[in-house]
Amino acid sequence: MDSRDPHQQRHAEIQAENQALRQQLENILREARNNELKMRRFEQLEHKLIATRSLLELVRLLLGDYKAAFGIDCVALSLLDRDHEASRMLDAELGMDGRPVQGLHLLQSDAPLRDLHPDPALKPWLGPFKASQHDKLFLGQEQAANMASLALLPLSRHGELIGSLHFGSVDAQRYDAQSGTALLERLAAIVSVCLDSTLNQERLKLAGLTDALTGVHNRRYFEHRCLIEIAQARRYRHDLACLFLDLDRFKAINDRYGHQAGDAVLRAVGHNIQTQLRAGDTIARFGGEEFVVLLPQAPAQHARDIAERIRAGIAGRPFSLPCGEVITASVSIGLAMLPAERIQVEAQSLAEQLLKAADQALYQAKTEGRNRVVFNAT
């Protein structure tokens, strides 16, 4: 039995209660301070997000700064990129380095996004990590095999999914289904708006790299892209082909039917060339009636086949002019491959060699009768 009198016992109980309350208060204050610090970091990163001026900067901020600031084990971002627009923007920013951004996945279909976010309300989802459903989200990341919980944040504009931001943790309790999502909803909304804004800014940049008449890229873009493709060909030791195309007897079309007709033919030819190319190929109007094409990872015979399809497609197609008349046209094409001895040569010099070789092949095609493909194998 307790030998203390009732007053002593009650005093001890009150002391114990006070100690427990103090501990509880300290825990609440500690959590409040942590939440305050977390909100401060969140707001700082929000301001950085809003200040981003490029897609690459935005992506790196989400995949790098957020991960470090909040101690997240894995972060990944999936973006819908049906027309390879985001891919081209990132390639242009990455420049000759061209290394992929870890944690970024560009999707040509929205089906994977709809699988992740079937709820039409498009709210963040928190819960356990399931390998059968989520194993591809964090591919290549150090902690990917140890994920226990995750948060999936849908990114949307005007009710349409445009992407998904994923946070993964080795702690099964970090992203619990019962946790509040207000902060994550706010983050998803800000990221969605910033993503839309940076894409529009990038489109404005690219507008300066597009030929206004034909809608294909211009010479400035081609020269920039050529250096990137050469760097990629060097790194991965794959082929790179260049086509130099020139409309045959274009001056006669202008002289007989007028410049408006000539412009219509140039637009149609540019479109025809594009339809024969793959997603990763590059077409640009080089000047006047000349076009250039880059074919990465295309061996010589494959590049010749593409060139021949372009030539035949233009020669076999009637062109309707604004005046109502229908004419035919043709192109001569010079083909050259990136030289094999590429390692010790500067990229700019290689680009000049490649274009010069294709131009020489084009000249030969012209002198041999036009409407043909000539391969410069030197």
Protein backbone atom coordinates (compact mmCIF):
# COMPACT_ATOMS: atom_id res chain seq x y z
CA MET A 1 0.00 0.00 0.00
CA ASP A 2 1.03 3.59 -0.61
CA SER A 3 2.33 4.95 2.74
CA ARG A 4 1.96 8.59 1.65
CA ASP A 5 -1.01 10.53 2.97
CA PRO A 6 -3.76 11.54 0.53
CA HIS A 7 -2.42 15.10 0.22
CA GLN A 8 1.06 13.91 -0.80
CA GLN A 9 -0.43 11.43 -3.25
CA ARG A 10 -2.62 14.09 -4.83
CA HIS A 11 0.36 16.44 -5.05
CA ALA A 12 2.38 13.80 -6.89
CA GLU A 13 -0.50 13.16 -9.29
CA ILE A 14 -0.81 16.85 -10.08
CA GLN A 15 2.95 17.08 -10.68
CA ALA A 16 2.76 14.12 -13.06
CA GLU A 17 -0.19 15.68 -14.89
CA ASN A 18 1.66 18.99 -15.17
CA GLN A 19 4.75 17.22 -16.49
CA ALA A 20 2.62 15.42 -19.08
CA LEU A 21 0.93 18.68 -20.09
CA ARG A 22 4.30 20.45 -20.36
CA GLN A 23 5.58 17.63 -22.55
CA GLN A 24 2.45 17.79 -24.66
CA LEU A 25 2.78 21.55 -25.00
CA GLU A 26 6.45 21.24 -25.96
CA ASN A 27 5.50 18.70 -28.61
CA ILE A 28 2.79 21.01 -29.96
CA LEU A 29 5.18 23.98 -30.00
CA ARG A 30 7.89 21.89 -31.65
CA GLU A 31 5.44 20.72 -34.31
CA ALA A 32 4.22 24.30 -34.80
CA ARG A 33 7.82 25.52 -35.23
CA ASN A 34 8.51 22.68 -37.68
CA ASN A 35 5.33 23.53 -39.59
CA GLU A 36 6.28 27.19 -39.61
CA LEU A 37 9.73 26.34 -40.99
CA LYS A 38 8.14 24.00 -43.51
CA MET A 39 5.71 26.71 -44.64
CA ARG A 40 8.56 29.19 -44.90
CA ARG A 41 10.53 26.78 -47.10
CA PHE A 42 7.40 26.03 -49.10
CA GLU A 43 6.71 29.73 -49.70
CA GLN A 44 10.35 30.35 -50.69
CA LEU A 45 10.16 27.56 -53.23
CA GLU A 46 6.79 28.84 -54.41
CA HIS A 47 8.40 32.18 -55.22
CA LYS A 48 11.17 30.37 -57.09
CA LEU A 49 8.60 28.40 -59.05
CA ILE A 50 6.74 31.54 -60.05
CA ALA A 51 10.02 33.19 -61.10
CA THR A 52 11.12 30.36 -63.43
CA ARG A 53 11.62 31.43 -67.04
CA SER A 54 12.30 28.11 -68.75
CA LEU A 55 10.96 24.57 -68.77
CA LEU A 56 14.33 23.10 -67.77
CA GLU A 57 14.62 25.50 -64.83
CA LEU A 58 11.13 24.53 -63.64
CA VAL A 59 11.80 20.81 -63.97
CA ARG A 60 15.11 21.00 -62.11
CA LEU A 61 13.52 23.05 -59.34
CA LEU A 62 10.79 20.43 -58.81
CA LEU A 63 13.07 17.41 -59.05
CA GLY A 64 16.04 18.86 -57.20
CA ASP A 65 15.24 21.74 -54.88
CA TYR A 66 11.96 20.30 -53.57
CA LYS A 67 13.58 16.95 -52.89
CA ALA A 68 16.40 18.56 -50.92
CA ALA A 69 14.27 21.13 -49.07
CA PHE A 70 11.73 18.63 -47.74
CA GLY A 71 13.91 15.54 -47.44
CA ILE A 72 11.87 13.56 -49.97
CA ASP A 73 13.41 10.20 -50.88
CA CYS A 74 12.23 10.14 -54.51
CA VAL A 75 10.65 12.77 -56.75
CA ALA A 76 9.46 12.26 -60.32
CA LEU A 77 7.53 14.28 -62.87
CA SER A 78 5.45 12.98 -65.77
CA LEU A 79 4.43 15.44 -68.51
CA LEU A 80 2.09 14.92 -71.44
CA ASP A 81 4.08 15.66 -74.61
CA ARG A 82 1.99 14.41 -77.54
CA ASP A 83 3.70 16.58 -80.17
CA HIS A 84 7.24 16.28 -78.72
CA GLU A 85 7.08 20.00 -77.97
CA ALA A 86 8.49 19.73 -74.44
CA SER A 87 11.16 17.33 -75.67
CA ARG A 88 12.36 19.84 -78.28
CA MET A 89 12.34 22.66 -75.73
CA LEU A 90 14.43 20.66 -73.25
CA ASP A 91 16.85 19.54 -75.96
CA ALA A 92 17.34 23.15 -77.01
CA GLU A 93 18.09 24.18 -73.41
CA LEU A 94 20.32 21.24 -72.59
CA GLY A 95 22.44 22.12 -75.59
CA MET A 96 25.29 19.91 -76.65
CA ASP A 97 25.39 18.12 -73.30
CA GLY A 98 22.04 16.50 -73.98
CA ARG A 99 21.93 14.36 -70.82
CA PRO A 100 18.42 13.26 -69.82
CA VAL A 101 16.92 14.74 -66.67
CA GLN A 102 16.55 11.98 -64.06
CA GLY A 103 13.02 11.67 -62.79
CA LEU A 104 11.38 13.32 -65.81
CA HIS A 105 9.10 11.21 -68.00
CA LEU A 106 7.59 12.62 -71.21
CA LEU A 107 4.43 10.83 -72.31
CA GLN A 108 2.94 10.70 -75.82
CA SER A 109 -0.42 9.51 -74.45
CA ASP A 110 -2.50 10.63 -71.46
CA ALA A 111 -3.49 7.01 -70.66
CA PRO A 112 -0.78 6.58 -67.93
CA LEU A 113 -1.92 9.83 -66.30
CA ARG A 114 -5.56 8.73 -66.31
CA ASP A 115 -4.51 5.42 -64.75
CA LEU A 116 -2.79 7.30 -61.93
CA HIS A 117 -5.65 9.78 -61.47
CA PRO A 118 -8.98 8.08 -62.28
CA ASP A 119 -10.90 10.43 -59.95
CA PRO A 120 -12.47 13.22 -62.08
CA ALA A 121 -12.04 15.60 -59.14
CA LEU A 122 -8.26 15.41 -59.76
CA LYS A 123 -7.26 15.53 -56.08
CA PRO A 124 -3.84 14.39 -54.77
CA TRP A 125 -3.69 10.72 -53.83
CA LEU A 126 -1.73 9.52 -50.79
CA GLY A 127 -1.24 5.92 -49.83
CA PRO A 128 0.97 2.83 -49.85
CA PHE A 129 3.46 2.21 -52.62
CA LYS A 130 2.42 -0.80 -54.72
CA ALA A 131 5.12 -2.18 -56.99
CA SER A 132 2.59 -3.58 -59.47
CA GLN A 133 1.18 -0.09 -60.05
CA HIS A 134 4.00 2.29 -59.23
CA ASP A 135 7.28 0.50 -60.00
CA LYS A 136 8.04 2.65 -63.09
CA LEU A 137 7.50 6.02 -61.44
CA PHE A 138 10.96 6.32 -59.87
CA LEU A 139 13.10 4.24 -62.25
CA GLY A 140 16.83 4.87 -61.88
CA GLN A 141 16.56 6.65 -58.52
CA GLU A 142 18.65 5.40 -55.61
CA GLN A 143 15.81 4.72 -53.17
CA ALA A 144 13.32 3.44 -55.77
CA ALA A 145 13.45 -0.16 -54.53
CA ASN A 146 12.64 0.87 -50.93
CA MET A 147 9.51 2.95 -51.48
CA ALA A 148 6.75 2.41 -48.88
CA SER A 149 4.37 5.34 -49.42
CA LEU A 150 3.80 7.97 -52.04
CA ALA A 151 1.85 11.08 -53.00
CA LEU A 152 0.54 11.51 -56.54
CA LEU A 153 -0.25 15.12 -57.46
CA PRO A 154 -2.29 15.61 -60.66
CA LEU A 155 -1.30 18.62 -62.78
CA SER A 156 -4.14 20.03 -64.84
CA ARG A 157 -5.24 23.05 -66.82
CA HIS A 158 -8.85 23.79 -67.66
CA GLY A 159 -9.89 20.39 -66.33
CA GLU A 160 -7.46 18.44 -68.54
CA LEU A 161 -4.54 16.40 -67.19
CA ILE A 162 -1.20 17.72 -68.39
CA GLY A 163 1.07 15.83 -66.01
CA SER A 164 1.63 14.32 -62.58
CA LEU A 165 4.13 15.08 -59.80
CA HIS A 166 5.16 12.12 -57.64
CA PHE A 167 6.71 12.10 -54.14
CA GLY A 168 7.94 8.79 -52.72
CA SER A 169 9.10 7.88 -49.20
CA VAL A 170 10.68 4.87 -47.52
CA ASP A 171 8.52 5.76 -44.48
CA ALA A 172 5.14 4.02 -44.77
CA GLN A 173 3.52 6.73 -42.60
CA ARG A 174 4.78 9.82 -44.44
CA TYR A 175 2.09 9.81 -47.13
CA ASP A 176 -0.79 8.24 -45.26
CA ALA A 177 -4.24 8.13 -46.85
CA GLN A 178 -5.70 9.93 -43.82
CA SER A 179 -3.29 12.87 -44.06
CA GLY A 180 -4.50 16.27 -45.16
CA THR A 181 -3.81 17.29 -48.75
CA ALA A 182 -4.43 21.06 -48.67
CA LEU A 183 -0.72 21.93 -49.02
CA LEU A 184 -0.24 19.38 -51.80
CA GLU A 185 -3.31 20.67 -53.65
CA ARG A 186 -1.88 24.18 -53.44
CA LEU A 187 1.47 22.97 -54.75
CA ALA A 188 -0.18 21.07 -57.65
CA ALA A 189 -2.19 24.16 -58.63
CA ILE A 190 0.89 26.41 -58.60
CA VAL A 191 3.00 23.91 -60.54
CA SER A 192 0.24 23.53 -63.15
CA VAL A 193 0.01 27.29 -63.72
CA CYS A 194 3.81 27.69 -63.79
CA LEU A 195 4.13 24.80 -66.22
CA ASP A 196 1.56 26.35 -68.55
CA SER A 197 3.29 29.72 -68.27
CA THR A 198 6.80 28.42 -69.00
CA LEU A 199 5.54 26.40 -71.98
CA ASN A 200 3.99 29.56 -73.41
CA GLN A 201 7.23 31.47 -72.81
CA GLU A 202 9.18 28.70 -74.56
CA ARG A 203 6.74 28.84 -77.49
CA LEU A 204 7.49 32.54 -77.84
CA LYS A 205 11.22 31.77 -77.89
CA LEU A 206 10.71 29.11 -80.54
CA ALA A 207 8.66 31.54 -82.62
CA GLY A 208 11.95 33.32 -83.28
CA LEU A 209 13.39 30.03 -84.55
CA THR A 210 10.59 29.33 -87.02
CA ASP A 211 10.32 30.32 -90.67
CA ALA A 212 7.22 32.52 -90.94
CA LEU A 213 6.37 31.46 -94.50
CA THR A 214 6.61 27.68 -94.33
CA GLY A 215 6.11 27.04 -90.60
CA VAL A 216 9.22 24.85 -90.35
CA HIS A 217 12.33 25.83 -88.39
CA ASN A 218 14.66 28.49 -89.72
CA ARG A 219 18.39 28.45 -90.42
CA ARG A 220 19.26 29.78 -86.97
CA TYR A 221 17.48 26.85 -85.32
CA PHE A 222 19.11 24.36 -87.70
CA GLU A 223 22.61 25.59 -86.89
CA HIS A 224 21.91 25.29 -83.15
CA ARG A 225 20.27 21.87 -83.53
CA CYS A 226 23.09 20.56 -85.70
CA LEU A 227 25.59 21.06 -82.87
CA ILE A 228 23.31 19.19 -80.46
CA GLU A 229 22.85 16.26 -82.84
CA ILE A 230 26.60 16.06 -83.48
CA ALA A 231 27.24 15.96 -79.72
CA GLN A 232 24.69 13.14 -79.37
CA ALA A 233 26.19 11.22 -82.30
CA ARG A 234 29.63 11.52 -80.73
CA ARG A 235 28.49 10.41 -77.30
CA TYR A 236 26.47 7.41 -78.39
CA ARG A 237 28.47 6.68 -81.56
CA HIS A 238 25.45 6.62 -83.84
CA ASP A 239 24.96 7.82 -87.42
CA LEU A 240 23.86 11.30 -88.40
CA ALA A 241 22.68 12.11 -91.92
CA CYS A 242 22.12 15.51 -93.49
CA LEU A 243 19.92 16.24 -96.52
CA PHE A 244 20.26 19.45 -98.53
CA LEU A 245 17.18 20.02 -100.72
CA ASP A 246 16.58 22.59 -103.44
CA LEU A 247 13.41 23.19 -105.45
CA ASP A 248 14.11 22.69 -109.15
CA ARG A 249 13.52 25.66 -111.50
CA PHE A 250 11.81 27.62 -108.75
CA LYS A 251 12.58 30.96 -110.44
CA ALA A 252 10.48 29.87 -113.42
CA ILE A 253 7.49 29.27 -111.13
CA ASN A 254 7.87 32.76 -109.62
CA ASP A 255 8.34 34.39 -113.03
CA ARG A 256 5.36 32.67 -114.65
CA TYR A 257 2.82 32.54 -111.81
CA GLY A 258 4.02 35.22 -109.40
CA HIS A 259 5.56 35.18 -105.92
CA GLN A 260 2.26 34.31 -104.25
CA ALA A 261 2.25 31.06 -106.20
CA GLY A 262 5.90 30.48 -105.34
CA ASP A 263 5.14 30.95 -101.64
CA ALA A 264 2.30 28.42 -101.87
CA VAL A 265 4.63 25.85 -103.44
CA LEU A 266 7.28 26.44 -100.75
CA ARG A 267 4.71 25.90 -98.00
CA ALA A 268 3.46 22.71 -99.64
CA VAL A 269 6.99 21.37 -100.14
CA GLY A 270 7.91 22.11 -96.49
CA HIS A 271 4.80 20.24 -95.34
CA ASN A 272 5.50 17.34 -97.69
CA ILE A 273 9.03 16.95 -96.32
CA GLN A 274 7.74 16.98 -92.74
CA THR A 275 5.29 14.15 -93.41
CA GLN A 276 8.18 11.85 -94.38
CA LEU A 277 10.22 12.49 -91.23
CA ARG A 278 10.32 10.81 -87.83
CA ALA A 279 9.58 12.57 -84.56
CA GLY A 280 13.27 13.17 -83.72
CA ASP A 281 14.27 14.45 -87.18
CA THR A 282 14.82 18.14 -87.92
CA ILE A 283 13.70 20.17 -90.93
CA ALA A 284 14.53 23.82 -91.55
CA ARG A 285 14.24 26.30 -94.38
CA PHE A 286 17.83 27.22 -95.11
CA GLY A 287 17.05 30.16 -97.37
CA GLY A 288 15.13 30.92 -100.57
CA GLU A 289 13.97 27.61 -102.02
CA GLU A 290 16.45 25.51 -99.99
CA PHE A 291 15.62 23.18 -97.10
CA VAL A 292 17.89 21.13 -94.84
CA VAL A 293 17.08 17.98 -92.86
CA LEU A 294 18.94 16.19 -90.05
CA LEU A 295 18.34 12.45 -89.60
CA PRO A 296 19.86 11.19 -86.31
CA GLN A 297 20.46 7.46 -85.92
CA ALA A 298 19.90 6.92 -89.65
CA PRO A 299 22.46 4.74 -91.47
CA ALA A 300 23.32 5.77 -95.02
CA GLN A 301 20.91 3.39 -96.75
CA HIS A 302 18.03 4.35 -94.47
CA ALA A 303 18.77 8.04 -95.05
CA ARG A 304 18.79 7.42 -98.84
CA ASP A 305 15.41 5.71 -98.57
CA ILE A 306 13.96 8.71 -96.70
CA ALA A 307 15.46 11.13 -99.23
CA GLU A 308 14.03 9.13 -102.11
CA ARG A 309 10.57 9.07 -100.51
CA ILE A 310 10.70 12.85 -100.13
CA ARG A 311 11.80 13.30 -103.75
CA ALA A 312 9.16 10.94 -105.13
CA GLY A 313 6.43 12.41 -102.93
CA ILE A 314 7.04 15.93 -104.24
CA ALA A 315 7.51 14.90 -107.89
CA GLY A 316 4.32 12.85 -107.85
CA ARG A 317 2.11 15.50 -106.30
CA PRO A 318 0.24 18.22 -108.21
CA PHE A 319 0.31 21.67 -106.57
CA SER A 320 -2.79 23.85 -106.67
CA LEU A 321 -1.87 27.52 -107.02
CA PRO A 322 -3.89 30.49 -105.68
CA CYS A 323 -4.69 31.47 -109.26
CA GLY A 324 -6.45 28.12 -109.78
CA GLU A 325 -3.82 26.48 -111.96
CA VAL A 326 -2.29 23.11 -111.07
CA ILE A 327 1.42 22.49 -111.60
CA THR A 328 4.05 19.91 -110.72
CA ALA A 329 7.41 20.55 -109.08
CA SER A 330 10.50 18.58 -108.12
CA VAL A 331 13.45 18.76 -105.76
CA SER A 332 17.10 17.80 -106.01
CA ILE A 333 18.61 16.33 -102.85
CA GLY A 334 22.18 16.02 -101.64
CA LEU A 335 22.91 13.49 -98.88
CA ALA A 336 25.98 13.34 -96.61
CA MET A 337 26.86 11.45 -93.45
CA LEU A 338 28.72 12.74 -90.39
CA PRO A 339 32.39 11.83 -90.88
CA ALA A 340 33.65 8.78 -89.00
CA GLU A 341 36.73 10.63 -87.69
CA ARG A 342 34.65 12.86 -85.44
CA ILE A 343 36.20 12.55 -81.98
CA GLN A 344 39.04 15.09 -82.14
CA VAL A 345 37.25 17.59 -84.40
CA GLU A 346 35.28 20.52 -82.96
CA ALA A 347 31.50 20.29 -83.30
CA GLN A 348 31.31 23.56 -85.26
CA SER A 349 33.87 22.30 -87.76
CA LEU A 350 32.04 18.99 -88.11
CA ALA A 351 28.77 20.84 -88.73
CA GLU A 352 30.39 22.88 -91.48
CA GLN A 353 31.90 19.73 -93.05
CA LEU A 354 28.58 17.89 -92.96
CA LEU A 355 26.65 20.75 -94.54
CA LYS A 356 29.33 21.36 -97.17
CA ALA A 357 29.35 17.68 -98.18
CA ALA A 358 25.54 17.68 -98.51
CA ASP A 359 25.70 20.92 -100.53
CA GLN A 360 28.28 19.38 -102.90
CA ALA A 361 26.03 16.36 -103.38
CA LEU A 362 23.12 18.70 -104.12
CA TYR A 363 25.20 20.52 -106.75
CA GLN A 364 25.98 17.19 -108.36
CA ALA A 365 22.27 16.27 -108.39
CA LYS A 366 21.53 19.56 -110.16
CA THR A 367 24.23 19.08 -112.79
CA GLU A 368 23.13 15.48 -113.47
CA GLY A 369 19.63 16.53 -114.41
CA ARG A 370 17.71 17.50 -111.22
CA ASN A 371 14.89 15.60 -109.52
CA ARG A 372 17.29 13.06 -108.02
CA VAL A 373 19.15 12.08 -104.85
CA VAL A 374 22.95 12.06 -104.80
CA PHE A 375 24.94 10.63 -101.89
CA ASN A 376 28.32 12.18 -101.08
CA ALA A 377 30.16 9.25 -99.52
CA THR A 378 33.40 11.14 -98.84
